[in-house]
Amino acid sequence: MPNRCVAVLGRPDMPTDAVEEYCRYLASALAAQGTALEIARVRWAEAGWRSALSELSAKFPVQQNPWFLLQYTALAWSRRGFSWRFPSLIRHLHKRGARCAIVFHDAETYFGNRLVDRIRRAVQLSTMRTALRLADLSVFTIPPEKIPWIPAPSSKTVFIPVGANLPSPETAWEKTNSTNDALPTVAVFSLSEGSVGAGEVTQIADAVRYASERVGPLRLLVLGRNSEMAQTQLQEKLGSAPVQVVVHGLLPAEEIVRLLSSCDVMLFVRGPLSTRRGSAIAGIACGLPVVARQGWETAPPITEAGVVLLEANEGNNFGPALARVLADRSFQLQLAERSRQAYRNHFSWQVIASQFEEALRKP
C-alpha cells in the first residue's frame, strides 16, 4: 500500500456524519501502520461539480496521493439520492492518473412504490454498477455475494466490515455489570426518523415491557441519533410497566463508551443485523450481547459475535429473546465474551486497517 492516500467524501450528513467518523478512525489506525490517510470533501453542493473537482485536484495532487478512497452513499452525491454524477468523479481522477477504490457504505437501492422511487432506484443501480466497473478496487461493508446486483465477486472486490466509531471500546469490558445493585439495563443506540422511527419505538416498548414482566424492573438507556424525540413516545407506550427510561441524545464518543459499559444487553431494531451497521457493532465492541433481527445481509463475521437473532417467523417480536438474555446470567456472560472475541478478530480498527493495507497492495 502507498504511504499516502486520500479518503474522498461528498455532502456531509447531519447532525452527525458516520462516514466521516469512519474515515477518521480508519486514518488513525492506518497511521499506526505507517500510512497517511487524508480526508477531502468534494464540495459539489456549494461550488458545483466542475469547480469542486478542480478544487480536489489542486489540493490533492495525484503524484503525491496515488490512491483515492471514494466513500459512497447515494445522499452524499445527490440531495435526493439521484447519484448519477458519482462516476464522473472516478473518471476525473483516472484522467489524472489516480487509482480509485470505492467504499460502498450503502450498497442497496432505496425503497418506495411511487414513480419517483422507481426512477431513483434505477439511477442508483446504474450508478453503482458503473462505479463498480470503473473502480480499481471496490470495498463492500457486507459480503459481495450477498448483494444481488453484483454479477460475481472478483479480484477487484473485497469485503471489509465497518468498525465502531468509538475510542477504545475495550475500556467498557471490565466495567460492564460492575454494579450488581443496579437495574438490568437495555441499551438502544440510534433510531430512524419519521414513521420508521415510530415503528422502532413501538418494537422497543413491546420488547422491554415483555422482558420486565418476566425479569422484573429494568432500565432502558436510549442514546444517539433521534433518541431524544422518542422519549415521550416510549414513556407513553410503556405506561405503568416497571421500566426506567433514560434518554441522552447525541453525546461525545467517550461518553457513549462509558454509558454502554453500564448496560447488560443491546437491543438493535434498525433493520436486520449486518456488518455495515455501525451502531450494532458499537455494542459488540463494548462487549455487549446484541438482540437483533436477521435478514439477507446477516452473515459472518457478525454472526460470530454474541448475537441473539430473531427467526423470520418471529417478525419483530424481540421480547422473548431479550428476556432470555436478561434472565440467564450465564448465557449473558457467554454472549459478552463472544462479542469481545469478535471485536478482537474482525471489528477493531487495527484489523480493518490491515485489511485495507492488504487490499491496496494487490496489483
Protein backbone atom coordinates (compact mmCIF):
# COMPACT_ATOMS: atom_id res chain seq x y z
CA MET A 1 0.00 0.00 0.00
CA PRO A 2 1.32 3.53 -0.73
CA ASN A 3 2.26 5.60 2.28
CA ARG A 4 -0.22 8.35 1.32
CA CYS A 5 -3.82 8.21 0.13
CA VAL A 6 -6.97 10.33 0.27
CA ALA A 7 -10.44 9.47 1.56
CA VAL A 8 -12.94 11.38 -0.57
CA LEU A 9 -16.33 12.33 0.88
CA GLY A 10 -19.33 14.06 -0.64
CA ARG A 11 -22.02 16.12 1.05
CA PRO A 12 -21.91 15.69 4.84
CA ASP A 13 -24.74 14.03 6.72
CA MET A 14 -26.34 15.95 9.56
CA PRO A 15 -26.33 16.24 12.55
CA THR A 16 -23.53 13.67 12.64
CA ASP A 17 -21.64 12.13 9.74
CA ALA A 18 -20.88 8.48 10.44
CA VAL A 19 -18.90 8.12 7.19
CA GLU A 20 -16.56 10.96 8.13
CA GLU A 21 -16.09 9.41 11.57
CA TYR A 22 -15.36 6.07 9.87
CA CYS A 23 -12.63 7.75 7.80
CA ARG A 24 -11.09 9.42 10.84
CA TYR A 25 -10.88 6.17 12.81
CA LEU A 26 -9.50 4.38 9.76
CA ALA A 27 -6.92 7.15 9.28
CA SER A 28 -5.77 6.81 12.87
CA ALA A 29 -5.39 3.03 12.53
CA LEU A 30 -3.54 3.35 9.20
CA ALA A 31 -1.21 5.95 10.67
CA ALA A 32 -0.11 3.41 13.27
CA GLN A 33 0.87 1.16 10.34
CA GLY A 34 2.80 3.92 8.54
CA THR A 35 0.18 5.10 6.04
CA ALA A 36 -1.17 8.65 5.95
CA LEU A 37 -4.86 8.91 5.04
CA GLU A 38 -6.03 12.47 4.45
CA ILE A 39 -9.71 13.39 4.26
CA ALA A 40 -11.14 15.53 1.46
CA ARG A 41 -14.64 16.69 0.64
CA VAL A 42 -15.92 17.30 -2.86
CA ARG A 43 -17.95 20.47 -2.30
CA TRP A 44 -20.32 19.90 -5.22
CA ALA A 45 -23.34 21.15 -3.29
CA GLU A 46 -21.71 24.52 -2.54
CA ALA A 47 -19.46 25.13 -5.55
CA GLY A 48 -20.93 22.99 -8.33
CA TRP A 49 -19.40 19.85 -9.75
CA ARG A 50 -16.81 21.37 -12.09
CA SER A 51 -15.35 23.77 -9.52
CA ALA A 52 -15.44 21.11 -6.80
CA LEU A 53 -13.48 18.61 -8.91
CA SER A 54 -10.90 21.25 -9.84
CA GLU A 55 -10.55 22.15 -6.18
CA LEU A 56 -9.96 18.49 -5.28
CA SER A 57 -7.25 18.08 -7.93
CA ALA A 58 -5.47 21.28 -6.87
CA LYS A 59 -5.47 20.40 -3.18
CA PHE A 60 -4.58 16.70 -3.53
CA PRO A 61 -2.22 16.14 -6.49
CA VAL A 62 -2.27 12.62 -7.87
CA GLN A 63 1.55 12.47 -7.85
CA GLN A 64 1.55 12.71 -4.05
CA ASN A 65 -1.60 10.63 -3.50
CA PRO A 66 -1.80 7.71 -5.95
CA TRP A 67 -4.82 6.08 -4.23
CA PHE A 68 -8.16 7.83 -3.64
CA LEU A 69 -10.72 6.05 -1.42
CA LEU A 70 -14.13 7.28 -2.56
CA GLN A 71 -16.86 6.91 0.07
CA TYR A 72 -20.22 6.06 -1.50
CA THR A 73 -23.69 6.64 -0.15
CA ALA A 74 -26.36 7.90 -2.52
CA LEU A 75 -27.18 11.00 -0.48
CA ALA A 76 -23.53 12.04 -0.27
CA TRP A 77 -23.53 12.63 -4.04
CA SER A 78 -27.09 13.89 -4.58
CA ARG A 79 -29.51 15.81 -2.40
CA ARG A 80 -32.34 13.42 -3.24
CA GLY A 81 -30.45 10.20 -3.87
CA PHE A 82 -30.13 10.52 -7.65
CA SER A 83 -26.40 9.77 -7.54
CA TRP A 84 -25.73 9.64 -11.32
CA ARG A 85 -22.89 12.21 -11.13
CA PHE A 86 -20.72 9.99 -8.93
CA PRO A 87 -18.98 8.08 -11.79
CA SER A 88 -17.75 11.43 -13.19
CA LEU A 89 -15.59 11.74 -10.07
CA ILE A 90 -13.93 8.40 -10.85
CA ARG A 91 -13.33 9.39 -14.48
CA HIS A 92 -11.91 12.75 -13.38
CA LEU A 93 -9.36 11.08 -11.09
CA HIS A 94 -8.49 8.38 -13.63
CA LYS A 95 -7.68 11.01 -16.26
CA ARG A 96 -5.07 12.40 -13.89
CA GLY A 97 -3.51 9.00 -13.27
CA ALA A 98 -5.02 8.20 -9.89
CA ARG A 99 -6.20 4.80 -8.73
CA CYS A 100 -9.68 4.71 -7.23
CA ALA A 101 -11.06 2.45 -4.54
CA ILE A 102 -14.74 2.82 -3.74
CA VAL A 103 -16.03 2.05 -0.27
CA PHE A 104 -19.71 1.15 -0.68
CA HIS A 105 -21.26 2.07 2.67
CA ASP A 106 -24.74 1.72 1.21
CA ALA A 107 -24.91 -0.98 -1.45
CA GLU A 108 -28.68 -1.28 -1.72
CA THR A 109 -31.17 0.96 -3.50
CA TYR A 110 -33.85 2.98 -1.74
CA PHE A 111 -37.37 1.65 -1.16
CA GLY A 112 -40.72 3.12 -2.20
CA ASN A 113 -43.51 2.44 -4.70
CA ARG A 114 -44.00 5.87 -6.25
CA LEU A 115 -42.82 6.57 -9.79
CA VAL A 116 -40.05 8.82 -8.45
CA ASP A 117 -38.91 5.99 -6.14
CA ARG A 118 -38.68 3.56 -9.05
CA ILE A 119 -36.71 6.06 -11.12
CA ARG A 120 -34.39 6.74 -8.16
CA ARG A 121 -33.74 3.02 -7.73
CA ALA A 122 -32.89 2.67 -11.41
CA VAL A 123 -30.47 5.60 -11.20
CA GLN A 124 -28.79 4.25 -8.07
CA LEU A 125 -28.46 0.77 -9.51
CA SER A 126 -26.96 2.11 -12.75
CA THR A 127 -24.60 4.35 -10.79
CA MET A 128 -23.31 1.56 -8.58
CA ARG A 129 -22.82 -0.84 -11.48
CA THR A 130 -20.90 1.82 -13.44
CA ALA A 131 -18.78 2.69 -10.42
CA LEU A 132 -18.01 -0.99 -9.83
CA ARG A 133 -16.88 -1.35 -13.44
CA LEU A 134 -14.72 1.80 -13.38
CA ALA A 135 -13.08 1.34 -9.98
CA ASP A 136 -9.65 -0.20 -9.49
CA LEU A 137 -10.93 -1.70 -6.24
CA SER A 138 -14.37 -1.92 -4.63
CA VAL A 139 -14.70 -2.35 -0.88
CA PHE A 140 -18.05 -3.62 0.40
CA THR A 141 -19.09 -3.47 4.03
CA ILE A 142 -21.25 -6.59 3.60
CA PRO A 143 -20.13 -9.74 1.74
CA PRO A 144 -20.35 -9.08 -2.04
CA GLU A 145 -22.02 -12.44 -2.62
CA LYS A 146 -24.98 -11.14 -0.60
CA ILE A 147 -25.53 -8.19 -2.96
CA PRO A 148 -27.86 -9.11 -5.84
CA TRP A 149 -26.67 -6.52 -8.36
CA ILE A 150 -23.03 -7.69 -8.32
CA PRO A 151 -22.59 -10.25 -11.13
CA ALA A 152 -19.84 -12.21 -9.33
CA PRO A 153 -17.10 -11.43 -6.81
CA SER A 154 -13.73 -10.78 -8.43
CA SER A 155 -10.19 -9.80 -7.53
CA LYS A 156 -11.39 -6.17 -7.71
CA THR A 157 -13.95 -6.65 -4.92
CA VAL A 158 -13.18 -7.12 -1.24
CA PHE A 159 -15.28 -7.36 1.90
CA ILE A 160 -14.21 -5.28 4.91
CA PRO A 161 -16.76 -4.72 7.71
CA VAL A 162 -17.12 -1.36 9.40
CA GLY A 163 -15.78 -0.73 12.87
CA ALA A 164 -17.31 1.03 15.83
CA ASN A 165 -16.88 4.81 15.72
CA LEU A 166 -15.76 4.76 19.34
CA PRO A 167 -12.40 5.35 21.04
CA SER A 168 -11.01 2.37 22.96
CA PRO A 169 -14.27 0.45 23.40
CA GLU A 170 -12.26 -2.23 25.25
CA THR A 171 -12.39 0.03 28.30
CA ALA A 172 -16.06 -0.90 28.63
CA TRP A 173 -15.34 -4.59 29.08
CA GLU A 174 -14.27 -4.53 32.72
CA LYS A 175 -16.93 -2.04 33.77
CA THR A 176 -19.93 -3.81 32.26
CA ASN A 177 -22.25 -5.08 35.01
CA SER A 178 -19.79 -3.99 37.73
CA THR A 179 -22.60 -2.56 39.85
CA ASN A 180 -24.62 -5.58 40.92
CA ASP A 181 -27.26 -3.48 42.69
CA ALA A 182 -28.16 -1.54 39.54
CA LEU A 183 -31.21 -2.33 37.48
CA PRO A 184 -30.63 -4.63 34.50
CA THR A 185 -30.11 -2.22 31.63
CA VAL A 186 -31.08 -2.46 27.97
CA ALA A 187 -29.21 -0.17 25.55
CA VAL A 188 -30.69 1.24 22.34
CA PHE A 189 -28.18 3.15 20.24
CA SER A 190 -29.62 5.32 17.46
CA LEU A 191 -33.10 5.37 15.92
CA SER A 192 -34.51 6.15 12.49
CA GLU A 193 -36.51 9.22 11.59
CA GLY A 194 -40.21 9.70 10.92
CA SER A 195 -42.67 6.84 10.63
CA VAL A 196 -39.87 4.26 10.52
CA GLY A 197 -38.56 5.56 13.83
CA ALA A 198 -42.06 5.47 15.32
CA GLY A 199 -42.29 1.80 14.37
CA GLU A 200 -38.95 1.14 16.04
CA VAL A 201 -40.17 2.83 19.23
CA THR A 202 -43.19 0.51 19.30
CA GLN A 203 -40.94 -2.55 18.90
CA ILE A 204 -38.65 -1.35 21.70
CA ALA A 205 -41.53 -0.66 24.08
CA ASP A 206 -43.17 -4.03 23.39
CA ALA A 207 -39.89 -5.90 23.90
CA VAL A 208 -38.91 -4.12 27.11
CA ARG A 209 -42.41 -4.44 28.58
CA TYR A 210 -42.40 -8.17 27.84
CA ALA A 211 -38.97 -8.59 29.45
CA SER A 212 -39.92 -6.57 32.54
CA GLU A 213 -42.98 -8.79 33.11
CA ARG A 214 -40.68 -11.83 33.32
CA VAL A 215 -37.45 -10.45 34.74
CA GLY A 216 -38.62 -7.55 36.90
CA PRO A 217 -37.84 -3.82 36.85
CA LEU A 218 -35.49 -2.69 34.08
CA ARG A 219 -33.69 0.40 32.90
CA LEU A 220 -33.91 1.42 29.23
CA LEU A 221 -30.98 3.56 28.09
CA VAL A 222 -31.54 5.28 24.74
CA LEU A 223 -28.80 7.35 23.14
CA GLY A 224 -27.59 8.55 19.79
CA ARG A 225 -29.36 9.86 16.74
CA ASN A 226 -33.10 10.65 17.04
CA SER A 227 -33.21 9.30 20.59
CA GLU A 228 -34.50 12.48 22.24
CA MET A 229 -37.58 12.61 20.04
CA ALA A 230 -38.51 9.08 21.18
CA GLN A 231 -38.57 9.74 24.93
CA THR A 232 -42.22 10.82 25.25
CA GLN A 233 -43.42 8.06 22.91
CA LEU A 234 -41.55 5.41 24.87
CA GLN A 235 -42.91 6.55 28.20
CA GLU A 236 -46.46 6.63 26.83
CA LYS A 237 -46.22 3.17 25.30
CA LEU A 238 -44.60 1.62 28.39
CA GLY A 239 -47.28 3.09 30.63
CA SER A 240 -47.13 1.54 34.10
CA ALA A 241 -44.51 -1.09 33.18
CA PRO A 242 -41.62 -1.14 35.70
CA VAL A 243 -39.15 0.40 33.25
CA GLN A 244 -36.98 3.43 33.93
CA VAL A 245 -36.44 5.32 30.66
CA VAL A 246 -33.18 7.31 30.39
CA VAL A 247 -32.52 9.26 27.18
CA HIS A 248 -29.23 11.01 26.41
CA GLY A 249 -29.36 12.10 22.76
CA LEU A 250 -26.14 12.86 20.87
CA LEU A 251 -23.01 12.50 23.01
CA PRO A 252 -19.22 12.55 22.66
CA ALA A 253 -17.85 9.13 21.71
CA GLU A 254 -16.05 8.72 25.04
CA GLU A 255 -19.32 9.22 26.91
CA ILE A 256 -21.03 6.62 24.72
CA VAL A 257 -18.41 4.05 25.73
CA ARG A 258 -18.92 4.91 29.40
CA LEU A 259 -22.69 4.55 29.17
CA LEU A 260 -22.60 1.30 27.20
CA SER A 261 -20.27 -0.12 29.85
CA SER A 262 -23.16 0.13 32.33
CA CYS A 263 -25.52 -1.92 30.15
CA ASP A 264 -26.29 -5.63 30.08
CA VAL A 265 -27.56 -6.04 26.52
CA MET A 266 -28.13 -4.01 23.35
CA LEU A 267 -31.47 -4.13 21.55
CA PHE A 268 -30.99 -3.35 17.86
CA VAL A 269 -34.18 -2.66 15.89
CA ARG A 270 -32.89 -0.59 12.93
CA GLY A 271 -33.34 -3.28 10.31
CA PRO A 272 -31.55 -6.62 10.01
CA LEU A 273 -28.19 -7.04 11.71
CA SER A 274 -25.22 -6.78 9.38
CA THR A 275 -21.54 -5.86 9.13
CA ARG A 276 -22.40 -2.36 7.89
CA ARG A 277 -24.44 -1.44 10.97
CA GLY A 278 -22.00 0.67 12.98
CA SER A 279 -24.39 1.26 15.89
CA ALA A 280 -24.82 -2.50 16.41
CA ILE A 281 -21.08 -3.05 16.10
CA ALA A 282 -20.62 -0.41 18.80
CA GLY A 283 -22.44 -2.74 21.18
CA ILE A 284 -20.30 -5.68 20.10
CA ALA A 285 -17.12 -3.63 20.50
CA CYS A 286 -18.17 -2.69 24.04
CA GLY A 287 -18.63 -6.37 24.88
CA LEU A 288 -22.42 -6.49 24.93
CA PRO A 289 -24.81 -9.22 23.82
CA VAL A 290 -26.96 -7.92 20.95
CA VAL A 291 -30.58 -8.88 20.30
CA ALA A 292 -31.48 -8.19 16.67
CA ARG A 293 -33.37 -9.38 13.61
CA GLN A 294 -31.67 -11.37 10.87
CA GLY A 295 -32.10 -10.68 7.17
CA TRP A 296 -30.42 -11.06 3.80
CA GLU A 297 -27.40 -9.01 4.95
CA THR A 298 -26.80 -11.09 8.09
CA ALA A 299 -23.65 -13.14 7.57
CA PRO A 300 -20.29 -13.92 9.17
CA PRO A 301 -18.34 -12.50 10.86
CA ILE A 302 -21.08 -10.67 12.75
CA THR A 303 -22.81 -13.97 13.48
CA GLU A 304 -19.68 -14.98 15.43
CA ALA A 305 -20.39 -12.24 17.98
CA GLY A 306 -22.69 -12.63 20.96
CA VAL A 307 -25.87 -12.06 18.99
CA VAL A 308 -29.34 -13.48 19.53
CA LEU A 309 -31.14 -13.31 16.20
CA LEU A 310 -34.88 -13.40 15.60
CA GLU A 311 -36.03 -16.01 13.15
CA ALA A 312 -38.11 -14.94 10.16
CA ASN A 313 -41.30 -16.35 11.72
CA GLU A 314 -40.83 -14.21 14.85
CA GLY A 315 -41.39 -10.95 12.97
CA ASN A 316 -40.48 -8.02 15.19
CA ASN A 317 -41.19 -9.79 18.48
CA PHE A 318 -37.94 -9.04 20.29
CA GLY A 319 -39.38 -9.66 23.76
CA PRO A 320 -38.66 -13.37 24.33
CA ALA A 321 -35.05 -13.09 23.10
CA LEU A 322 -34.45 -10.02 25.27
CA ALA A 323 -35.97 -11.69 28.33
CA ARG A 324 -33.83 -14.79 27.81
CA VAL A 325 -30.59 -12.76 27.81
CA LEU A 326 -31.59 -10.78 30.88
CA ALA A 327 -32.85 -13.79 32.85
CA ASP A 328 -29.91 -16.13 32.25
CA ARG A 329 -26.72 -14.61 33.66
CA SER A 330 -24.51 -17.46 32.44
CA PHE A 331 -25.88 -17.12 28.91
CA GLN A 332 -25.40 -13.36 29.06
CA LEU A 333 -21.73 -13.68 30.06
CA GLN A 334 -21.14 -16.25 27.33
CA LEU A 335 -22.57 -13.87 24.73
CA ALA A 336 -20.50 -10.98 26.08
CA GLU A 337 -17.29 -12.98 25.67
CA ARG A 338 -18.24 -13.88 22.11
CA SER A 339 -18.74 -10.19 21.34
CA ARG A 340 -15.33 -9.31 22.77
CA GLN A 341 -13.69 -12.05 20.72
CA ALA A 342 -15.46 -10.98 17.52
CA TYR A 343 -14.25 -7.44 18.10
CA ARG A 344 -10.66 -8.60 18.52
CA ASN A 345 -10.79 -10.77 15.40
CA HIS A 346 -12.90 -8.70 12.98
CA PHE A 347 -14.14 -5.29 14.11
CA SER A 348 -11.20 -3.49 15.69
CA TRP A 349 -9.78 -0.65 13.61
CA GLN A 350 -6.35 -2.29 13.66
CA VAL A 351 -7.77 -5.37 11.93
CA ILE A 352 -9.76 -3.24 9.48
CA ALA A 353 -6.70 -1.12 8.62
CA SER A 354 -4.66 -4.28 7.98
CA GLN A 355 -7.34 -5.48 5.56
CA PHE A 356 -7.17 -2.17 3.69
CA GLU A 357 -3.38 -2.39 3.57
CA GLU A 358 -3.57 -5.86 2.06
CA ALA A 359 -6.28 -4.94 -0.48
CA LEU A 360 -4.48 -1.84 -1.74
CA ARG A 361 -1.16 -3.68 -2.11
CA LYS A 362 -2.62 -6.05 -4.68
CA PRO A 363 -1.71 -5.28 -8.32
